[in-house]
Protein backbone atom coordinates (compact mmCIF):
# COMPACT_ATOMS: atom_id res chain seq x y z
CA MET A 1 -12.68 71.41 -92.22
CA THR A 2 -16.17 72.54 -93.22
CA ARG A 3 -17.94 74.40 -90.44
CA VAL A 4 -21.71 75.06 -90.07
CA ALA A 5 -23.19 78.48 -89.99
CA VAL A 6 -25.30 78.29 -86.66
CA ASN A 7 -27.25 81.03 -84.81
CA PRO A 8 -25.48 81.43 -81.19
CA ASP A 9 -28.85 81.82 -79.53
CA LEU A 10 -30.10 78.43 -80.51
CA LEU A 11 -26.80 76.86 -78.58
CA ASP A 12 -27.84 78.96 -75.72
CA TRP A 13 -31.48 77.87 -76.02
CA ALA A 14 -30.55 74.03 -76.56
CA LEU A 15 -28.02 74.27 -73.65
CA ALA A 16 -30.79 75.98 -70.88
CA ARG A 17 -33.39 73.64 -72.34
CA ALA A 18 -31.68 70.74 -71.14
CA ASP A 19 -30.43 72.24 -67.83
CA LEU A 20 -26.83 72.53 -68.90
CA SER A 21 -24.12 75.23 -68.96
CA ALA A 22 -21.51 75.48 -70.99
CA ASP A 23 -18.79 74.65 -68.34
CA ALA A 24 -20.45 71.49 -68.22
CA LEU A 25 -19.75 70.59 -71.72
CA ILE A 26 -16.39 71.73 -72.13
CA LYS A 27 -14.58 68.73 -71.99
CA ALA A 28 -16.33 67.67 -74.92
CA PHE A 29 -16.37 70.67 -76.72
CA PRO A 30 -13.25 72.88 -75.98
CA LYS A 31 -14.23 75.73 -78.21
CA ILE A 32 -17.70 75.87 -76.82
CA HIS A 33 -17.54 79.40 -75.47
CA ASP A 34 -16.30 80.60 -79.05
CA TRP A 35 -19.44 79.03 -80.50
CA LEU A 36 -21.54 81.00 -78.00
CA THR A 37 -19.90 84.31 -79.15
CA GLY A 38 -20.00 83.49 -82.39
CA GLU A 39 -16.19 83.63 -82.54
CA ILE A 40 -15.86 80.18 -84.61
CA GLN A 41 -18.78 77.87 -85.85
CA PRO A 42 -18.63 74.17 -84.90
CA THR A 43 -18.15 71.25 -87.49
CA LEU A 44 -21.23 69.31 -88.57
CA LYS A 45 -19.93 66.14 -86.48
CA GLN A 46 -19.54 68.50 -83.26
CA LEU A 47 -22.92 70.05 -83.68
CA GLU A 48 -24.57 66.50 -84.14
CA SER A 49 -22.61 65.45 -81.10
CA PHE A 50 -23.87 68.54 -79.29
CA ALA A 51 -27.41 67.97 -80.16
CA ASN A 52 -27.05 64.30 -78.75
CA LYS A 53 -25.64 65.84 -75.18
CA THR A 54 -28.25 68.47 -75.14
CA HIS A 55 -31.16 65.85 -76.22
CA THR A 56 -32.20 68.21 -79.14
CA ALA A 57 -33.18 67.22 -82.24
CA ILE A 58 -30.27 68.61 -84.53
CA GLY A 59 -33.24 70.01 -87.03
CA TYR A 60 -33.67 72.71 -84.59
CA LEU A 61 -30.00 74.08 -84.57
CA PHE A 62 -30.46 74.81 -88.06
CA LEU A 63 -33.58 77.49 -87.28
CA PRO A 64 -33.24 81.01 -87.59
CA GLU A 65 -34.11 81.58 -84.07
CA PRO A 66 -35.09 79.35 -80.96
CA PRO A 67 -38.47 77.80 -81.22
CA VAL A 68 -41.17 77.85 -78.42
CA GLU A 69 -42.02 74.50 -77.20
CA THR A 70 -45.12 73.66 -75.47
CA LEU A 71 -46.57 70.46 -74.07
CA PRO A 72 -48.75 68.92 -76.44
CA VAL A 73 -51.45 67.97 -73.83
CA PRO A 74 -52.85 70.67 -70.80
CA ASP A 75 -50.21 71.38 -68.14
CA PHE A 76 -51.57 71.50 -64.85
CA ARG A 77 -48.37 71.44 -63.16
CA THR A 78 -48.39 74.18 -60.21
CA MET A 79 -45.14 73.77 -58.28
CA ALA A 80 -44.95 76.35 -55.62
CA ASN A 81 -48.07 77.84 -57.36
CA ALA A 82 -46.35 78.57 -60.44
CA ARG A 83 -46.50 76.83 -63.67
CA LEU A 84 -43.65 75.35 -65.36
CA ASP A 85 -43.43 76.91 -68.79
CA HIS A 86 -40.36 75.13 -69.88
CA PRO A 87 -40.89 71.28 -70.11
CA THR A 88 -37.30 69.72 -70.08
CA PRO A 89 -36.21 67.38 -72.93
CA ASP A 90 -36.94 64.39 -70.76
CA LEU A 91 -40.79 65.49 -70.07
CA LEU A 92 -41.18 66.10 -73.86
CA ASP A 93 -39.71 63.03 -75.19
CA THR A 94 -41.57 60.78 -72.62
CA LEU A 95 -44.54 62.21 -73.56
CA TYR A 96 -43.86 61.92 -77.44
CA LEU A 97 -42.90 58.27 -77.00
CA CYS A 98 -46.41 57.49 -75.11
CA GLN A 99 -48.15 59.37 -77.61
CA GLN A 100 -46.58 57.03 -80.46
CA ARG A 101 -47.78 54.32 -78.51
CA GLN A 102 -51.01 55.27 -77.80
CA ASP A 103 -51.34 55.77 -81.81
CA TRP A 104 -50.24 52.41 -82.44
CA TYR A 105 -52.57 51.04 -79.94
CA ARG A 106 -55.62 52.94 -81.05
CA ASP A 107 -55.18 51.49 -84.52
CA TYR A 108 -54.74 48.14 -82.90
CA LEU A 109 -58.23 48.94 -80.88
CA ARG A 110 -59.88 49.83 -84.16
CA LEU A 111 -58.61 46.44 -86.03
CA HIS A 112 -60.06 44.44 -83.35
CA GLY A 113 -63.21 46.16 -83.14
CA GLU A 114 -62.81 47.15 -79.50
CA ALA A 115 -64.55 50.09 -77.89
CA ALA A 116 -63.27 52.71 -75.10
CA PRO A 117 -64.29 51.87 -71.77
CA THR A 118 -67.51 53.39 -70.82
CA PHE A 119 -66.12 55.42 -67.93
CA VAL A 120 -63.92 57.31 -70.18
CA GLY A 121 -65.31 61.17 -69.57
CA SER A 122 -68.36 59.82 -67.36
CA ALA A 123 -67.56 62.45 -64.56
CA THR A 124 -67.50 65.80 -64.08
CA ILE A 125 -65.77 68.34 -61.76
CA GLU A 126 -69.22 69.40 -60.28
CA ASP A 127 -70.10 65.66 -59.45
CA ASP A 128 -69.88 64.47 -55.71
CA VAL A 129 -66.44 63.32 -55.07
CA ILE A 130 -67.05 60.53 -52.98
CA SER A 131 -69.76 59.14 -55.52
CA VAL A 132 -67.36 59.26 -58.23
CA ALA A 133 -64.63 57.60 -55.81
CA ALA A 134 -67.10 54.67 -54.92
CA ARG A 135 -67.82 54.22 -58.85
CA MET A 136 -64.25 53.84 -59.59
CA ARG A 137 -63.86 51.40 -56.85
CA ALA A 138 -66.72 49.40 -58.26
CA VAL A 139 -65.32 49.41 -62.02
CA LEU A 140 -61.83 48.36 -60.82
CA SER A 141 -62.89 46.00 -57.93
CA PHE A 142 -60.35 48.09 -55.87
CA ASP A 143 -61.28 46.40 -52.22
CA VAL A 144 -59.74 48.59 -49.65
CA GLU A 145 -60.08 45.47 -46.87
CA GLN A 146 -57.78 43.35 -49.50
CA ARG A 147 -55.01 46.36 -49.81
CA ARG A 148 -54.85 46.66 -46.09
CA SER A 149 -53.70 42.86 -45.94
CA MET A 150 -50.99 43.18 -48.40
CA PRO A 151 -47.38 43.41 -46.87
CA THR A 152 -45.75 46.04 -49.02
CA TRP A 153 -46.49 49.24 -50.82
CA LYS A 154 -44.83 47.78 -54.09
CA GLU A 155 -47.27 44.90 -54.07
CA ALA A 156 -50.37 47.04 -53.84
CA LEU A 157 -49.32 49.07 -56.24
CA ARG A 158 -48.65 46.24 -58.66
CA GLN A 159 -52.27 45.31 -58.29
CA PHE A 160 -53.71 48.52 -58.53
CA ILE A 161 -51.64 48.84 -61.94
CA SER A 162 -53.37 45.50 -62.85
CA LEU A 163 -56.64 46.32 -62.17
CA VAL A 164 -56.43 49.44 -64.06
CA GLU A 165 -55.14 47.87 -67.19
CA ASP A 166 -57.79 45.05 -66.90
CA ALA A 167 -60.34 47.82 -67.02
CA GLY A 168 -58.60 48.68 -70.36
CA VAL A 169 -56.19 51.63 -69.68
CA LEU A 170 -52.76 51.28 -70.33
CA VAL A 171 -50.35 52.06 -67.51
CA MET A 172 -46.76 52.78 -68.16
CA VAL A 173 -44.44 53.17 -65.43
CA SER A 174 -40.63 54.43 -65.44
CA GLY A 175 -38.05 56.33 -63.82
CA ILE A 176 -36.10 57.20 -67.00
CA VAL A 177 -36.65 58.25 -70.69
CA GLY A 178 -37.07 55.32 -73.00
CA SER A 179 -34.57 52.79 -72.06
CA ASN A 180 -32.07 55.23 -71.31
CA THR A 181 -30.47 55.12 -67.62
CA HIS A 182 -28.38 58.06 -68.11
CA ARG A 183 -31.77 60.22 -68.40
CA LYS A 184 -33.70 59.93 -65.19
CA LEU A 185 -36.92 61.49 -64.86
CA ASP A 186 -37.55 64.14 -62.03
CA PRO A 187 -40.52 64.01 -59.90
CA GLU A 188 -40.06 67.54 -59.06
CA GLU A 189 -40.88 68.51 -62.61
CA PHE A 190 -43.90 65.99 -62.88
CA ARG A 191 -45.15 63.01 -61.44
CA GLY A 192 -47.33 61.87 -64.28
CA PHE A 193 -49.81 62.35 -67.08
CA ALA A 194 -52.87 61.16 -68.59
CA LEU A 195 -53.56 61.01 -72.34
CA VAL A 196 -57.20 60.45 -73.05
CA ASP A 197 -58.41 59.36 -76.54
CA ASP A 198 -61.72 58.43 -78.01
CA LEU A 199 -60.32 54.79 -78.11
CA ALA A 200 -57.04 54.33 -76.25
CA GLN A 201 -56.60 55.79 -72.94
CA LEU A 202 -52.70 56.08 -71.41
CA ILE A 203 -51.57 56.73 -68.13
CA PHE A 204 -47.69 57.33 -67.20
CA ILE A 205 -46.42 57.54 -63.78
CA ASN A 206 -42.70 58.91 -63.09
CA GLY A 207 -41.13 55.61 -61.55
CA SER A 208 -38.53 57.91 -59.76
CA ASP A 209 -40.95 58.49 -57.42
CA SER A 210 -41.62 56.70 -54.26
CA LYS A 211 -44.27 53.66 -54.32
CA ALA A 212 -46.31 55.58 -52.16
CA ALA A 213 -46.53 58.42 -54.01
CA GLN A 214 -47.11 56.46 -57.26
CA MET A 215 -50.33 55.03 -55.75
CA PHE A 216 -51.58 58.66 -55.59
CA THR A 217 -50.40 59.59 -59.25
CA LEU A 218 -52.19 56.72 -60.66
CA ALA A 219 -55.22 57.53 -58.73
CA HIS A 220 -54.98 61.22 -59.49
CA GLU A 221 -54.61 60.44 -63.42
CA LEU A 222 -57.13 57.87 -63.09
CA ALA A 223 -59.51 60.69 -62.16
CA HIS A 224 -58.68 62.51 -65.25
CA ILE A 225 -59.47 59.66 -67.50
CA TRP A 226 -62.90 59.61 -65.49
CA LEU A 227 -63.18 63.62 -66.59
CA GLY A 228 -62.12 62.86 -69.95
CA GLU A 229 -59.21 65.33 -69.73
CA SER A 230 -55.61 64.66 -70.62
CA GLY A 231 -53.09 66.46 -68.91
CA VAL A 232 -49.53 66.67 -67.09
CA SER A 233 -49.74 66.52 -63.48
CA ASP A 234 -47.41 67.30 -60.21
CA ALA A 235 -50.27 65.10 -58.14
CA GLN A 236 -49.30 65.96 -54.51
CA ALA A 237 -51.89 64.27 -51.77
CA ALA A 238 -51.55 67.09 -49.55
CA VAL A 239 -51.74 70.05 -51.79
CA LEU A 240 -54.87 71.65 -52.53
CA PRO A 241 -53.99 73.49 -56.07
CA ASP A 242 -56.24 76.26 -56.80
CA GLU A 243 -56.91 74.74 -60.49
CA GLN A 244 -60.45 73.29 -60.34
CA THR A 245 -59.43 70.09 -62.29
CA GLU A 246 -56.47 69.31 -60.11
CA HIS A 247 -58.26 70.24 -57.15
CA TRP A 248 -61.06 68.07 -57.86
CA CYS A 249 -58.71 64.93 -59.19
CA ASN A 250 -56.50 65.22 -55.90
CA ALA A 251 -59.95 65.04 -53.96
CA VAL A 252 -61.06 61.90 -55.91
CA ALA A 253 -57.59 60.35 -55.64
CA ALA A 254 -57.62 60.69 -51.72
CA GLU A 255 -61.31 59.17 -51.55
CA LEU A 256 -60.42 56.40 -53.74
CA LEU A 257 -57.39 55.40 -51.78
CA ALA A 258 -58.58 56.23 -48.47
CA PRO A 259 -62.14 56.58 -47.97
CA MET A 260 -63.34 59.14 -45.46
CA GLU A 261 -65.87 56.71 -43.91
CA ALA A 262 -63.11 53.73 -43.51
CA VAL A 263 -60.35 56.42 -42.36
CA GLY A 264 -62.78 57.63 -39.35
CA ARG A 265 -63.83 54.14 -38.46
CA LEU A 266 -60.00 53.07 -37.95
CA TYR A 267 -58.76 56.60 -36.63
CA GLN A 268 -57.60 56.31 -33.13
CA PRO A 269 -57.64 59.92 -31.50
CA ASP A 270 -55.80 58.70 -28.41
CA VAL A 271 -52.83 57.54 -30.49
CA GLU A 272 -50.19 60.48 -31.17
CA LEU A 273 -50.77 61.67 -34.32
CA GLN A 274 -47.40 60.87 -35.98
CA ASP A 275 -47.99 57.22 -34.85
CA GLU A 276 -51.27 57.02 -36.15
CA MET A 277 -50.39 59.06 -39.51
CA GLN A 278 -47.86 56.03 -40.05
CA ARG A 279 -50.21 53.27 -38.86
CA LEU A 280 -52.84 54.50 -41.32
CA ALA A 281 -50.53 54.73 -44.19
CA ARG A 282 -49.26 51.03 -43.84
CA GLN A 283 -53.18 50.13 -43.48
CA PHE A 284 -54.18 52.06 -46.72
CA LYS A 285 -51.01 51.70 -48.46
CA VAL A 286 -50.57 55.07 -49.26
CA SER A 287 -48.15 58.05 -48.10
CA THR A 288 -48.29 59.72 -44.87
CA LEU A 289 -49.17 62.99 -46.90
CA VAL A 290 -52.55 61.25 -48.04
CA ILE A 291 -53.47 60.64 -44.22
CA LEU A 292 -52.57 63.75 -43.43
CA ARG A 293 -54.92 65.54 -45.93
CA ARG A 294 -57.61 63.04 -44.45
CA PHE A 295 -56.93 64.24 -41.11
CA SER A 296 -57.36 67.64 -42.43
CA ASP A 297 -60.48 66.68 -44.37
CA MET A 298 -62.16 65.11 -41.22
CA GLY A 299 -61.30 68.11 -39.06
CA VAL A 300 -58.86 66.66 -36.81
CA LEU A 301 -55.96 69.35 -37.75
CA ASP A 302 -56.90 72.97 -38.27
CA ARG A 303 -54.95 74.53 -41.39
CA ASP A 304 -52.07 75.85 -39.29
CA ALA A 305 -51.36 72.58 -37.86
CA PHE A 306 -51.97 70.92 -41.07
CA TRP A 307 -49.46 72.91 -42.54
CA ASP A 308 -47.04 72.33 -39.90
CA TYR A 309 -47.12 68.49 -40.05
CA TYR A 310 -47.21 68.82 -44.19
CA HIS A 311 -43.97 70.61 -44.40
CA GLU A 312 -42.26 68.13 -41.52
CA GLU A 313 -43.44 65.08 -43.16
CA LEU A 314 -42.60 66.21 -46.59
CA ALA A 315 -39.10 66.88 -45.44
CA LYS A 316 -38.87 63.17 -44.10
CA LEU A 317 -40.03 62.13 -47.24
CA ARG A 318 -37.64 63.90 -49.31
CA SER A 319 -34.65 62.75 -46.89
CA LEU A 320 -35.53 59.18 -47.97
CA ASP A 321 -34.23 57.21 -50.96
CA ARG A 322 -36.52 57.10 -53.77
CA SER A 323 -37.48 53.74 -55.49
CA GLY A 324 -36.56 54.42 -59.13
CA SER A 325 -37.42 51.95 -61.98
CA GLY A 326 -33.67 50.70 -62.28
CA GLY A 327 -32.21 47.40 -61.37
CA GLY A 328 -34.24 44.20 -61.17
CA ASP A 329 -35.35 42.04 -63.54
CA PHE A 330 -35.27 43.58 -67.21
CA TYR A 331 -38.21 41.80 -68.59
CA ASN A 332 -40.54 42.49 -65.73
CA ASN A 333 -39.11 46.26 -65.71
CA LEU A 334 -40.05 46.22 -69.55
CA GLY A 335 -43.46 45.02 -68.80
CA ALA A 336 -44.08 47.88 -66.53
CA ARG A 337 -42.36 50.52 -68.52
CA VAL A 338 -44.49 49.95 -71.46
CA SER A 339 -47.49 48.65 -69.98
CA LYS A 340 -48.39 44.72 -69.98
CA ARG A 341 -50.99 45.28 -71.74
CA PHE A 342 -49.60 47.14 -74.40
CA ALA A 343 -46.68 44.76 -74.44
CA ARG A 344 -48.95 41.79 -75.12
CA ALA A 345 -50.63 43.72 -77.82
CA LEU A 346 -47.64 44.78 -79.84
CA VAL A 347 -45.62 41.64 -79.38
CA GLY A 348 -48.61 39.49 -80.48
CA SER A 349 -49.15 41.73 -83.63
CA THR A 350 -45.57 41.50 -84.65
CA LEU A 351 -45.27 37.97 -84.44
CA GLU A 352 -48.22 37.78 -86.57
CA GLY A 353 -46.55 40.01 -89.26
CA GLN A 354 -49.28 42.95 -88.78
CA THR A 355 -46.61 45.21 -87.16
CA LEU A 356 -42.77 45.64 -88.59
CA PHE A 357 -40.35 44.59 -86.07
CA GLN A 358 -38.35 47.94 -86.38
CA ASP A 359 -41.48 49.53 -85.26
CA ALA A 360 -42.05 47.20 -82.16
CA PHE A 361 -38.38 47.80 -81.24
CA ARG A 362 -38.67 51.42 -81.32
CA MET A 363 -41.53 51.36 -79.21
CA LEU A 364 -40.33 48.97 -76.66
CA ASN A 365 -36.90 50.34 -76.70
CA ILE A 366 -35.18 47.58 -77.57
CA ARG A 367 -32.44 46.77 -79.83
CA LYS A 368 -31.91 42.80 -79.99
CA SER A 369 -34.26 40.28 -81.66
CA ASP A 370 -33.08 38.13 -78.67
CA THR A 371 -34.67 40.56 -76.19
CA PHE A 372 -37.97 40.58 -78.28
CA TYR A 373 -38.36 37.05 -78.06
CA LYS A 374 -37.72 36.59 -74.64
CA GLU A 375 -40.13 38.93 -73.90
CA ALA A 376 -42.81 37.06 -75.99
CA GLU A 377 -42.02 33.97 -73.91
CA ARG A 378 -42.29 35.92 -70.82
CA LEU A 379 -45.81 36.98 -72.19
CA GLY A 380 -46.57 33.37 -73.08
CA LEU A 381 -46.77 34.11 -76.74
CA ARG A 382 -44.08 31.97 -77.99
CA ARG A 383 -42.23 28.83 -76.62
């Protein structure tokens, strides 16, 4: 039995990177503690299995020492005011997959002579928040009154995504890595990211979050597109981050979703605050945290009262079941996970012979031809 010389520090690094302990894998690898002490080396087959379970590229395990992994785009996450320096494999793999899709879509747009939307990079953090949000609503035809009449947050989010895609931005929503239902994305690590490009713009939203939270994340990442700045965010409506870019994007997102003028006009000061917060959240199809922030902006709440309500409301929201991306119709979910705009372009290009089927399958995270052709039929590209 041939064993592989591997630095035990790399095994420790892979476990920590995947947020796993040796004991968690001891059933699969009874000798794992001996591997970590260097008393025994794993076989190549065992090392391949270990790499798979820790979501680590096996090539990393042959390095002389653990690599330092960093996000390929700016990191704006400030959970509890402390940056998260060690991205998980789930976040990294999701980012890399989206970058592959963006690369393909950029080439597709060039082939078809398409230009980037004029609003990309059209704003700066020095610009007035209200005027930028107004421009965004105008570009998207994002009608507040129409949204107020929608029965559910899900429908409002669906329309919002559709409008953003119609404006030329890919929007991908998923609560899992690729199509692996065993790798659920944690909204406590990140809620979304924006990938800004000279031609192809992409927004990813963590679908494990609530629909109301996804509304705010989409608005926040869209503000990044307007700034022309890529980044990974933990966009939280009621949090006022110290980082200037995130502070500005949060303010624009709140104004886009719940304009100060409209909230002030509809606000009923005689109604108990909790009830009013719930009522207006339903009106604008946002989370209660967005309305709470608007109350603070309006001067309805002082700083101490704001934080009291914030912690109370956050605890309530966390106690609710989050709406993940599992379940439902596979093909509808596929369109949401990879963006309907992207799926239509990729499937059409593949059917025309311009893209290899194996490349399309990889970017769509599918394995069977039958699945591909059913998606083509759903998109109206094949009968």
